[in-house]
Amino acid sequence: MGPPVPRARRHQEHPGSPRGRQVPCTIENVPYVDTHGRETVTFVRTFRFPGWSHRFDAQMVLAPGGGHIVDYLGTHQHLVSDLHPAVDHRGGLIIRSGAHRFIEGPVDIGVPEFIGADATVRESFDDDAGCFRIQVNVVNRRFGPLFGYHGAFRAEFTEASRLGVRPGLRPVREVALP
């Protein structure tokens, strides 16, 4: 959600640009305390195409001061995006990306707009259908749409404190911004 370069955070088991309709997707959101002591929620989305899967990983923490969310992208958290949540006139959630950064060791630099992207996520509950609806669009201001999906889903809630975080949901490396 807010990736400067979406492909950089993609773990895929098959090369190529995935496309499809009625693609089964699992979204795993699990709260935990990371190695820096921050309350964190993991967002792992796995799209299942015939014969292979396509996975996107992100971990979100509340920014110091609480003004926005910091989204650490990928299993190694090289890309970081500020997220700004709001509520639309119908009560749905809208999340817009802000500044992006690339972090690797001592390198911590802002991502220039010409290679960055703007992400918009809309999520709401459809009372009539009894399900959540989601729409994600990631667009580069110069090159146009980079990534997106939309659909509906039903949530299954599980007691996270009882189950913990299953292996493979936490990132390989955890980064903390200064």
C-alpha atoms as a PDB file:
ATOM      1  CA  MET A   1       0.000   0.000   0.000  1.00  0.00           C
ATOM      2  CA  GLY A   2       2.022   2.948  -1.103  1.00  0.00           C
ATOM      3  CA  PRO A   3       4.976   1.223  -2.730  1.00  0.00           C
ATOM      4  CA  PRO A   4       7.592   3.350  -4.468  1.00  0.00           C
ATOM      5  CA  VAL A   5       8.452   0.360  -6.659  1.00  0.00           C
ATOM      6  CA  PRO A   6       5.828  -2.371  -6.210  1.00  0.00           C
ATOM      7  CA  ARG A   7       7.930  -5.092  -7.814  1.00  0.00           C
ATOM      8  CA  ALA A   8      10.672  -4.592  -5.233  1.00  0.00           C
ATOM      9  CA  ARG A   9       8.426  -5.820  -2.454  1.00  0.00           C
ATOM     10  CA  ARG A  10       6.942  -8.668  -4.391  1.00  0.00           C
ATOM     11  CA  HIS A  11       7.740 -12.257  -3.586  1.00  0.00           C
ATOM     12  CA  GLN A  12       6.602 -14.364  -6.439  1.00  0.00           C
ATOM     13  CA  GLU A  13       6.838 -17.999  -7.262  1.00  0.00           C
ATOM     14  CA  HIS A  14       6.327 -17.390 -10.982  1.00  0.00           C
ATOM     15  CA  PRO A  15       7.801 -14.702 -13.258  1.00  0.00           C
ATOM     16  CA  GLY A  16       5.684 -12.253 -15.196  1.00  0.00           C
ATOM     17  CA  SER A  17       3.025  -9.704 -14.475  1.00  0.00           C
ATOM     18  CA  PRO A  18       0.005 -11.414 -12.903  1.00  0.00           C
ATOM     19  CA  ARG A  19      -3.442 -10.653 -14.245  1.00  0.00           C
ATOM     20  CA  GLY A  20      -6.752 -12.324 -13.774  1.00  0.00           C
ATOM     21  CA  ARG A  21     -10.350 -12.261 -12.680  1.00  0.00           C
ATOM     22  CA  GLN A  22     -11.855 -14.058  -9.706  1.00  0.00           C
ATOM     23  CA  VAL A  23      -8.361 -14.622  -8.281  1.00  0.00           C
ATOM     24  CA  PRO A  24      -8.533 -16.136  -4.779  1.00  0.00           C
ATOM     25  CA  CYS A  25      -6.764 -13.955  -2.254  1.00  0.00           C
ATOM     26  CA  THR A  26      -5.878 -14.342   1.407  1.00  0.00           C
ATOM     27  CA  ILE A  27      -5.139 -11.271   3.522  1.00  0.00           C
ATOM     28  CA  GLU A  28      -3.511 -11.996   6.872  1.00  0.00           C
ATOM     29  CA  ASN A  29      -3.513  -9.130   9.362  1.00  0.00           C
ATOM     30  CA  VAL A  30      -1.903 -10.104  12.637  1.00  0.00           C
ATOM     31  CA  PRO A  31      -0.908  -7.775  15.501  1.00  0.00           C
ATOM     32  CA  TYR A  32       2.370  -8.288  17.351  1.00  0.00           C
ATOM     33  CA  VAL A  33       5.155  -6.362  19.087  1.00  0.00           C
ATOM     34  CA  ASP A  34       8.202  -6.099  16.840  1.00  0.00           C
ATOM     35  CA  THR A  35      11.864  -6.316  17.851  1.00  0.00           C
ATOM     36  CA  HIS A  36      11.903  -2.521  18.406  1.00  0.00           C
ATOM     37  CA  GLY A  37       9.030  -2.766  20.923  1.00  0.00           C
ATOM     38  CA  ARG A  38       6.444  -1.200  18.592  1.00  0.00           C
ATOM     39  CA  GLU A  39       2.866  -2.409  18.250  1.00  0.00           C
ATOM     40  CA  THR A  40       2.790  -3.685  14.667  1.00  0.00           C
ATOM     41  CA  VAL A  41       0.217  -5.182  12.322  1.00  0.00           C
ATOM     42  CA  THR A  42       1.359  -7.423   9.501  1.00  0.00           C
ATOM     43  CA  PHE A  43      -0.508  -7.239   6.187  1.00  0.00           C
ATOM     44  CA  VAL A  44       0.339 -10.223   4.008  1.00  0.00           C
ATOM     45  CA  ARG A  45      -1.698 -10.562   0.824  1.00  0.00           C
ATOM     46  CA  THR A  46      -1.361 -13.772  -1.190  1.00  0.00           C
ATOM     47  CA  PHE A  47      -3.021 -14.024  -4.590  1.00  0.00           C
ATOM     48  CA  ARG A  48      -3.419 -17.590  -5.860  1.00  0.00           C
ATOM     49  CA  PHE A  49      -3.160 -18.005  -9.616  1.00  0.00           C
ATOM     50  CA  PRO A  50      -3.398 -21.437 -11.271  1.00  0.00           C
ATOM     51  CA  GLY A  51      -0.124 -23.204 -10.440  1.00  0.00           C
ATOM     52  CA  TRP A  52       1.550 -20.334  -8.544  1.00  0.00           C
ATOM     53  CA  SER A  53       1.045 -17.536  -6.028  1.00  0.00           C
ATOM     54  CA  HIS A  54       1.906 -13.850  -5.796  1.00  0.00           C
ATOM     55  CA  ARG A  55       2.571 -12.349  -2.349  1.00  0.00           C
ATOM     56  CA  PHE A  56       2.844  -8.795  -0.998  1.00  0.00           C
ATOM     57  CA  ASP A  57       4.148  -8.141   2.518  1.00  0.00           C
ATOM     58  CA  ALA A  58       3.827  -5.020   4.657  1.00  0.00           C
ATOM     59  CA  GLN A  59       4.079  -4.193   8.329  1.00  0.00           C
ATOM     60  CA  MET A  60       2.384  -1.101   9.727  1.00  0.00           C
ATOM     61  CA  VAL A  61       3.185   0.886  12.852  1.00  0.00           C
ATOM     62  CA  LEU A  62       1.812   4.143  14.192  1.00  0.00           C
ATOM     63  CA  ALA A  63       4.283   6.971  13.587  1.00  0.00           C
ATOM     64  CA  PRO A  64       5.769   8.676  16.637  1.00  0.00           C
ATOM     65  CA  GLY A  65       3.270  11.353  17.595  1.00  0.00           C
ATOM     66  CA  GLY A  66       0.450   9.394  15.959  1.00  0.00           C
ATOM     67  CA  GLY A  67      -0.047  11.671  12.951  1.00  0.00           C
ATOM     68  CA  HIS A  68       0.108   8.900  10.368  1.00  0.00           C
ATOM     69  CA  ILE A  69       0.995   5.244   9.807  1.00  0.00           C
ATOM     70  CA  VAL A  70       4.421   4.048   8.703  1.00  0.00           C
ATOM     71  CA  ASP A  71       4.201   1.173   6.208  1.00  0.00           C
ATOM     72  CA  TYR A  72       7.325  -1.015   5.981  1.00  0.00           C
ATOM     73  CA  LEU A  73       7.144  -2.866   2.670  1.00  0.00           C
ATOM     74  CA  GLY A  74       8.527  -6.266   1.815  1.00  0.00           C
ATOM     75  CA  THR A  75      10.148  -9.017   3.822  1.00  0.00           C
ATOM     76  CA  HIS A  76      13.312  -6.924   4.305  1.00  0.00           C
ATOM     77  CA  GLN A  77      11.558  -3.559   4.734  1.00  0.00           C
ATOM     78  CA  HIS A  78      13.749  -1.727   2.208  1.00  0.00           C
ATOM     79  CA  LEU A  79      10.864   0.508   1.190  1.00  0.00           C
ATOM     80  CA  VAL A  80       8.943   2.644   3.656  1.00  0.00           C
ATOM     81  CA  SER A  81       5.844   4.704   2.943  1.00  0.00           C
ATOM     82  CA  ASP A  82       3.861   7.132   5.058  1.00  0.00           C
ATOM     83  CA  LEU A  83       0.136   6.357   5.025  1.00  0.00           C
ATOM     84  CA  HIS A  84      -2.634   8.822   5.793  1.00  0.00           C
ATOM     85  CA  PRO A  85      -5.979   7.231   6.753  1.00  0.00           C
ATOM     86  CA  ALA A  86      -9.314   9.049   6.549  1.00  0.00           C
ATOM     87  CA  VAL A  87     -13.007   8.187   6.607  1.00  0.00           C
ATOM     88  CA  ASP A  88     -15.214   8.863   3.581  1.00  0.00           C
ATOM     89  CA  HIS A  89     -18.770  10.249   3.720  1.00  0.00           C
ATOM     90  CA  ARG A  90     -20.238   6.702   3.947  1.00  0.00           C
ATOM     91  CA  GLY A  91     -17.961   5.574   6.791  1.00  0.00           C
ATOM     92  CA  GLY A  92     -15.473   3.679   4.611  1.00  0.00           C
ATOM     93  CA  LEU A  93     -11.724   3.757   5.154  1.00  0.00           C
ATOM     94  CA  ILE A  94      -9.521   5.606   2.670  1.00  0.00           C
ATOM     95  CA  ILE A  95      -5.747   5.347   2.915  1.00  0.00           C
ATOM     96  CA  ARG A  96      -3.471   7.541   0.786  1.00  0.00           C
ATOM     97  CA  SER A  97       0.276   7.185   0.574  1.00  0.00           C
ATOM     98  CA  GLY A  98       2.638  10.036   1.297  1.00  0.00           C
ATOM     99  CA  ALA A  99       6.422  10.237   1.314  1.00  0.00           C
ATOM    100  CA  HIS A 100       8.466   7.153   0.412  1.00  0.00           C
ATOM    101  CA  ARG A 101      11.961   6.147   1.545  1.00  0.00           C
ATOM    102  CA  PHE A 102      14.514   3.529   0.599  1.00  0.00           C
ATOM    103  CA  ILE A 103      16.529   2.048   3.481  1.00  0.00           C
ATOM    104  CA  GLU A 104      19.530  -0.268   3.216  1.00  0.00           C
ATOM    105  CA  GLY A 105      22.161  -0.218   5.969  1.00  0.00           C
ATOM    106  CA  PRO A 106      23.343   3.378   6.401  1.00  0.00           C
ATOM    107  CA  VAL A 107      21.487   4.472   3.240  1.00  0.00           C
ATOM    108  CA  ASP A 108      18.199   6.206   4.042  1.00  0.00           C
ATOM    109  CA  ILE A 109      16.974   8.341   1.151  1.00  0.00           C
ATOM    110  CA  GLY A 110      13.708   9.745  -0.091  1.00  0.00           C
ATOM    111  CA  VAL A 111      12.323   8.180  -3.256  1.00  0.00           C
ATOM    112  CA  PRO A 112      12.034  10.757  -6.071  1.00  0.00           C
ATOM    113  CA  GLU A 113       8.526  11.286  -7.464  1.00  0.00           C
ATOM    114  CA  PHE A 114       9.454  10.188 -10.978  1.00  0.00           C
ATOM    115  CA  ILE A 115      10.076   6.619  -9.751  1.00  0.00           C
ATOM    116  CA  GLY A 116       7.696   6.748  -6.809  1.00  0.00           C
ATOM    117  CA  ALA A 117       3.982   6.044  -6.793  1.00  0.00           C
ATOM    118  CA  ASP A 118       0.802   7.253  -5.183  1.00  0.00           C
ATOM    119  CA  ALA A 119      -1.389   4.602  -3.609  1.00  0.00           C
ATOM    120  CA  THR A 120      -5.050   4.893  -2.711  1.00  0.00           C
ATOM    121  CA  VAL A 121      -6.858   2.164  -0.800  1.00  0.00           C
ATOM    122  CA  ARG A 122     -10.609   2.182  -0.227  1.00  0.00           C
ATOM    123  CA  GLU A 123     -12.159  -0.346   2.114  1.00  0.00           C
ATOM    124  CA  SER A 124     -15.712  -0.520   3.404  1.00  0.00           C
ATOM    125  CA  PHE A 125     -18.369  -2.917   4.603  1.00  0.00           C
ATOM    126  CA  ASP A 126     -21.266  -3.652   2.260  1.00  0.00           C
ATOM    127  CA  ASP A 127     -24.259  -4.230   4.534  1.00  0.00           C
ATOM    128  CA  ASP A 128     -26.455  -5.533   1.711  1.00  0.00           C
ATOM    129  CA  ALA A 129     -23.934  -8.174   0.566  1.00  0.00           C
ATOM    130  CA  GLY A 130     -22.587  -8.891   4.064  1.00  0.00           C
ATOM    131  CA  CYS A 131     -18.953  -8.501   3.006  1.00  0.00           C
ATOM    132  CA  PHE A 132     -16.070  -6.058   2.890  1.00  0.00           C
ATOM    133  CA  ARG A 133     -15.158  -4.329  -0.369  1.00  0.00           C
ATOM    134  CA  ILE A 134     -11.644  -3.228  -1.247  1.00  0.00           C
ATOM    135  CA  GLN A 135     -10.085  -1.259  -4.082  1.00  0.00           C
ATOM    136  CA  VAL A 136      -6.328  -0.619  -4.353  1.00  0.00           C
ATOM    137  CA  ASN A 137      -4.718   1.597  -6.998  1.00  0.00           C
ATOM    138  CA  VAL A 138      -1.007   2.391  -7.253  1.00  0.00           C
ATOM    139  CA  VAL A 139      -0.127   4.973  -9.884  1.00  0.00           C
ATOM    140  CA  ASN A 140       3.130   6.598 -10.990  1.00  0.00           C
ATOM    141  CA  ARG A 141       2.496  10.236 -11.876  1.00  0.00           C
ATOM    142  CA  ARG A 142       4.522   9.947 -15.074  1.00  0.00           C
ATOM    143  CA  PHE A 143       3.951   6.360 -16.249  1.00  0.00           C
ATOM    144  CA  GLY A 144       0.408   5.761 -15.030  1.00  0.00           C
ATOM    145  CA  PRO A 145      -1.058   2.689 -13.279  1.00  0.00           C
ATOM    146  CA  LEU A 146       1.481   0.246 -11.825  1.00  0.00           C
ATOM    147  CA  PHE A 147      -0.633  -2.079  -9.759  1.00  0.00           C
ATOM    148  CA  GLY A 148      -4.132  -2.516  -8.483  1.00  0.00           C
ATOM    149  CA  TYR A 149      -6.896  -4.863  -7.499  1.00  0.00           C
ATOM    150  CA  HIS A 150     -10.466  -4.732  -6.313  1.00  0.00           C
ATOM    151  CA  GLY A 151     -12.908  -7.188  -4.893  1.00  0.00           C
ATOM    152  CA  ALA A 152     -14.944  -8.360  -1.971  1.00  0.00           C
ATOM    153  CA  PHE A 153     -14.094 -10.533   0.997  1.00  0.00           C
ATOM    154  CA  ARG A 154     -15.449 -11.902   4.229  1.00  0.00           C
ATOM    155  CA  ALA A 155     -13.297 -11.664   7.322  1.00  0.00           C
ATOM    156  CA  GLU A 156     -12.522 -14.507   9.685  1.00  0.00           C
ATOM    157  CA  PHE A 157     -11.503 -13.265  13.126  1.00  0.00           C
ATOM    158  CA  THR A 158      -9.195 -15.329  15.315  1.00  0.00           C
ATOM    159  CA  GLU A 159      -7.853 -14.593  18.786  1.00  0.00           C
ATOM    160  CA  ALA A 160      -4.329 -13.439  17.885  1.00  0.00           C
ATOM    161  CA  SER A 161      -3.005 -13.590  21.451  1.00  0.00           C
ATOM    162  CA  ARG A 162      -3.895 -17.287  21.594  1.00  0.00           C
ATOM    163  CA  LEU A 163      -2.400 -18.228  18.219  1.00  0.00           C
ATOM    164  CA  GLY A 164       0.541 -15.824  17.951  1.00  0.00           C
ATOM    165  CA  VAL A 165       2.136 -14.975  14.620  1.00  0.00           C
ATOM    166  CA  ARG A 166       2.537 -17.981  12.359  1.00  0.00           C
ATOM    167  CA  PRO A 167       5.969 -18.572  10.782  1.00  0.00           C
ATOM    168  CA  GLY A 168       6.440 -16.633   7.567  1.00  0.00           C
ATOM    169  CA  LEU A 169       4.281 -13.637   8.479  1.00  0.00           C
ATOM    170  CA  ARG A 170       6.951 -11.559  10.207  1.00  0.00           C
ATOM    171  CA  PRO A 171       9.573  -9.865   8.052  1.00  0.00           C
ATOM    172  CA  VAL A 172      13.078 -11.262   7.718  1.00  0.00           C
ATOM    173  CA  ARG A 173      14.466  -7.902   8.858  1.00  0.00           C
ATOM    174  CA  GLU A 174      12.785  -5.176  10.933  1.00  0.00           C
ATOM    175  CA  VAL A 175      13.733  -1.531  10.405  1.00  0.00           C
ATOM    176  CA  ALA A 176      13.008   1.434  12.664  1.00  0.00           C
ATOM    177  CA  LEU A 177      13.078   4.985  11.333  1.00  0.00           C
ATOM    178  CA  PRO A 178      14.903   7.538  13.479  1.00  0.00           C
END
